């Protein structure tokens, strides 16, 4: 079963978020507004 984070109308794959945060060679951003995730991108 895939774990996801749902914030209003957006769905984020938890594994992708964890991968971004834990991989020291990745770079990108998590955009927040009013303490809600509104965008996520990394490479």
C-alpha atoms as a PDB file:
ATOM      1  CA  UNK A   1       0.000   0.000   0.000  1.00  0.00           C
ATOM      2  CA  UNK A   2       1.344   3.428  -0.955  1.00  0.00           C
ATOM      3  CA  UNK A   3       1.431   6.045   1.790  1.00  0.00           C
ATOM      4  CA  UNK A   4       0.495   9.542   0.666  1.00  0.00           C
ATOM      5  CA  UNK A   5       0.088  12.967   2.212  1.00  0.00           C
ATOM      6  CA  UNK A   6      -3.095  14.744   1.145  1.00  0.00           C
ATOM      7  CA  UNK A   7      -3.145  18.527   1.543  1.00  0.00           C
ATOM      8  CA  UNK A   8      -6.338  20.089   0.155  1.00  0.00           C
ATOM      9  CA  UNK A   9      -6.444  19.017  -3.514  1.00  0.00           C
ATOM     10  CA  UNK A  10      -2.809  17.889  -3.753  1.00  0.00           C
ATOM     11  CA  UNK A  11      -1.453  14.409  -3.079  1.00  0.00           C
ATOM     12  CA  UNK A  12       2.234  13.836  -2.299  1.00  0.00           C
ATOM     13  CA  UNK A  13       3.948  10.450  -2.202  1.00  0.00           C
ATOM     14  CA  UNK A  14       5.569  10.161   1.247  1.00  0.00           C
ATOM     15  CA  UNK A  15       8.438   8.053  -0.144  1.00  0.00           C
ATOM     16  CA  UNK A  16       9.330  10.825  -2.619  1.00  0.00           C
ATOM     17  CA  UNK A  17       9.341  13.416   0.158  1.00  0.00           C
ATOM     18  CA  UNK A  18      11.488  11.207   2.410  1.00  0.00           C
ATOM     19  CA  UNK A  19      13.842  10.467  -0.489  1.00  0.00           C
ATOM     20  CA  UNK A  20      14.323  14.171  -1.102  1.00  0.00           C
ATOM     21  CA  UNK A  21      14.967  14.935   2.563  1.00  0.00           C
ATOM     22  CA  UNK A  22      17.357  12.010   3.106  1.00  0.00           C
ATOM     23  CA  UNK A  23      19.399  12.125  -0.135  1.00  0.00           C
ATOM     24  CA  UNK A  24      22.305  14.549   0.342  1.00  0.00           C
ATOM     25  CA  UNK A  25      22.931  14.736  -3.422  1.00  0.00           C
ATOM     26  CA  UNK A  26      19.384  15.862  -4.267  1.00  0.00           C
ATOM     27  CA  UNK A  27      18.276  19.451  -4.545  1.00  0.00           C
ATOM     28  CA  UNK A  28      14.879  21.064  -4.853  1.00  0.00           C
ATOM     29  CA  UNK A  29      12.175  22.711  -2.838  1.00  0.00           C
ATOM     30  CA  UNK A  30       9.028  22.185  -0.834  1.00  0.00           C
ATOM     31  CA  UNK A  31       6.750  25.218  -1.183  1.00  0.00           C
ATOM     32  CA  UNK A  32       4.533  26.064   1.779  1.00  0.00           C
ATOM     33  CA  UNK A  33       1.899  28.721   2.257  1.00  0.00           C
ATOM     34  CA  UNK A  34      -0.096  29.182   5.456  1.00  0.00           C
ATOM     35  CA  UNK A  35       1.646  26.061   6.815  1.00  0.00           C
ATOM     36  CA  UNK A  36       0.328  23.876   3.955  1.00  0.00           C
ATOM     37  CA  UNK A  37       2.413  22.225   1.251  1.00  0.00           C
ATOM     38  CA  UNK A  38       1.530  23.824  -2.088  1.00  0.00           C
ATOM     39  CA  UNK A  39       4.347  22.468  -4.250  1.00  0.00           C
ATOM     40  CA  UNK A  40       7.177  19.973  -4.294  1.00  0.00           C
ATOM     41  CA  UNK A  41       9.959  19.402  -6.811  1.00  0.00           C
ATOM     42  CA  UNK A  42      13.406  17.884  -6.660  1.00  0.00           C
ATOM     43  CA  UNK A  43      16.110  16.425  -8.808  1.00  0.00           C
END
